[in-house]
Amino acid sequence: MPNIKIVTEVAGRICAMPVQVGGTVADGDEIVVIEAMKMEIPVPSPASGTITSLLVKLNDVVAEGQAIAIVAN
């Protein structure tokens, strides 16, 4: 099973995390929601699989291009 690192394309604050480590996601499911410029921007999973690691927590501030989770498919 290859691991896929999920990165954010925007900088901002993590305002929602609808997944948990060990949970399964489908291609396109939201991994986290980032608040940036008074907007909520979802970060989708690029593939189906199992969340093996969450690299951020609620209210963390993230940078553009930062890894936020790892999915094994």
C-alpha atoms as a PDB file:
ATOM      1  CA  MET A   1       0.000   0.000   0.000  1.00  0.00           C
ATOM      2  CA  PRO A   2       1.602   3.276  -1.000  1.00  0.00           C
ATOM      3  CA  ASN A   3       1.203   6.198   1.376  1.00  0.00           C
ATOM      4  CA  ILE A   4      -0.135   9.457  -0.023  1.00  0.00           C
ATOM      5  CA  LYS A   5       0.808  12.711   1.692  1.00  0.00           C
ATOM      6  CA  ILE A   6      -2.035  15.235   1.611  1.00  0.00           C
ATOM      7  CA  VAL A   7      -0.936  18.873   1.452  1.00  0.00           C
ATOM      8  CA  THR A   8      -2.865  22.108   1.648  1.00  0.00           C
ATOM      9  CA  GLU A   9      -2.852  24.621  -1.190  1.00  0.00           C
ATOM     10  CA  VAL A  10      -3.692  27.565   1.094  1.00  0.00           C
ATOM     11  CA  ALA A  11      -2.388  29.017   4.337  1.00  0.00           C
ATOM     12  CA  GLY A  12      -4.821  29.463   7.211  1.00  0.00           C
ATOM     13  CA  ARG A  13      -6.238  27.977  10.413  1.00  0.00           C
ATOM     14  CA  ILE A  14      -7.653  24.450  10.733  1.00  0.00           C
ATOM     15  CA  CYS A  15     -11.301  25.026  11.687  1.00  0.00           C
ATOM     16  CA  ALA A  16     -12.742  21.515  11.182  1.00  0.00           C
ATOM     17  CA  MET A  17     -11.442  17.954  11.020  1.00  0.00           C
ATOM     18  CA  PRO A  18     -14.193  15.552   9.935  1.00  0.00           C
ATOM     19  CA  VAL A  19     -11.861  12.497   9.861  1.00  0.00           C
ATOM     20  CA  GLN A  20      -9.944  10.460  12.432  1.00  0.00           C
ATOM     21  CA  VAL A  21      -6.842   8.278  12.296  1.00  0.00           C
ATOM     22  CA  GLY A  22      -7.962   4.813  11.229  1.00  0.00           C
ATOM     23  CA  GLY A  23     -11.007   6.148   9.394  1.00  0.00           C
ATOM     24  CA  THR A  24     -11.596   5.474   5.726  1.00  0.00           C
ATOM     25  CA  VAL A  25     -12.039   8.147   3.081  1.00  0.00           C
ATOM     26  CA  ALA A  26     -13.120   8.133  -0.542  1.00  0.00           C
ATOM     27  CA  ASP A  27     -11.508  10.144  -3.312  1.00  0.00           C
ATOM     28  CA  GLY A  28     -12.657  13.739  -2.786  1.00  0.00           C
ATOM     29  CA  ASP A  29     -13.757  13.405   0.858  1.00  0.00           C
ATOM     30  CA  GLU A  30     -12.844  16.342   3.099  1.00  0.00           C
ATOM     31  CA  ILE A  31      -9.824  15.741   5.326  1.00  0.00           C
ATOM     32  CA  VAL A  32      -9.776  19.173   7.001  1.00  0.00           C
ATOM     33  CA  VAL A  33     -11.376  22.575   6.492  1.00  0.00           C
ATOM     34  CA  ILE A  34      -9.120  25.625   6.538  1.00  0.00           C
ATOM     35  CA  GLU A  35     -10.292  29.129   7.371  1.00  0.00           C
ATOM     36  CA  ALA A  36      -8.472  31.620   5.175  1.00  0.00           C
ATOM     37  CA  MET A  37      -9.459  35.168   4.243  1.00  0.00           C
ATOM     38  CA  LYS A  38     -12.815  34.723   6.050  1.00  0.00           C
ATOM     39  CA  MET A  39     -13.619  31.713   3.830  1.00  0.00           C
ATOM     40  CA  GLU A  40     -13.766  28.009   4.691  1.00  0.00           C
ATOM     41  CA  ILE A  41     -11.760  25.959   2.211  1.00  0.00           C
ATOM     42  CA  PRO A  42     -11.985  22.149   2.284  1.00  0.00           C
ATOM     43  CA  VAL A  43      -8.891  20.033   1.648  1.00  0.00           C
ATOM     44  CA  PRO A  44     -10.019  16.864  -0.169  1.00  0.00           C
ATOM     45  CA  SER A  45      -8.400  13.446  -0.197  1.00  0.00           C
ATOM     46  CA  PRO A  46      -6.770  12.739  -3.575  1.00  0.00           C
ATOM     47  CA  ALA A  47      -7.492   8.997  -3.257  1.00  0.00           C
ATOM     48  CA  SER A  48      -9.541   6.419  -1.387  1.00  0.00           C
ATOM     49  CA  GLY A  49      -7.919   4.768   1.587  1.00  0.00           C
ATOM     50  CA  THR A  50      -7.354   4.795   5.326  1.00  0.00           C
ATOM     51  CA  ILE A  51      -6.113   7.789   7.305  1.00  0.00           C
ATOM     52  CA  THR A  52      -2.867   6.578   8.878  1.00  0.00           C
ATOM     53  CA  SER A  53      -1.725   9.898  10.334  1.00  0.00           C
ATOM     54  CA  LEU A  54      -3.053  13.399  10.981  1.00  0.00           C
ATOM     55  CA  LEU A  55      -0.165  15.858  11.077  1.00  0.00           C
ATOM     56  CA  VAL A  56      -2.208  18.827  12.335  1.00  0.00           C
ATOM     57  CA  LYS A  57      -4.824  19.453  14.988  1.00  0.00           C
ATOM     58  CA  LEU A  58      -7.830  21.739  15.321  1.00  0.00           C
ATOM     59  CA  ASN A  59      -6.893  25.469  15.409  1.00  0.00           C
ATOM     60  CA  ASP A  60      -3.356  24.876  14.070  1.00  0.00           C
ATOM     61  CA  VAL A  61      -2.114  27.498  11.622  1.00  0.00           C
ATOM     62  CA  VAL A  62      -0.814  25.886   8.430  1.00  0.00           C
ATOM     63  CA  ALA A  63       1.310  27.161   5.563  1.00  0.00           C
ATOM     64  CA  GLU A  64       0.686  26.701   1.853  1.00  0.00           C
ATOM     65  CA  GLY A  65       2.115  23.332   0.793  1.00  0.00           C
ATOM     66  CA  GLN A  66       2.203  21.931   4.335  1.00  0.00           C
ATOM     67  CA  ALA A  67       1.462  18.217   4.800  1.00  0.00           C
ATOM     68  CA  ILE A  68      -1.676  17.699   6.857  1.00  0.00           C
ATOM     69  CA  ALA A  69      -2.378  13.967   6.677  1.00  0.00           C
ATOM     70  CA  ILE A  70      -1.235  10.647   5.276  1.00  0.00           C
ATOM     71  CA  VAL A  71      -3.573   8.201   3.533  1.00  0.00           C
ATOM     72  CA  ALA A  72      -2.723   4.585   2.696  1.00  0.00           C
ATOM     73  CA  ASN A  73      -4.637   3.185  -0.245  1.00  0.00           C
END
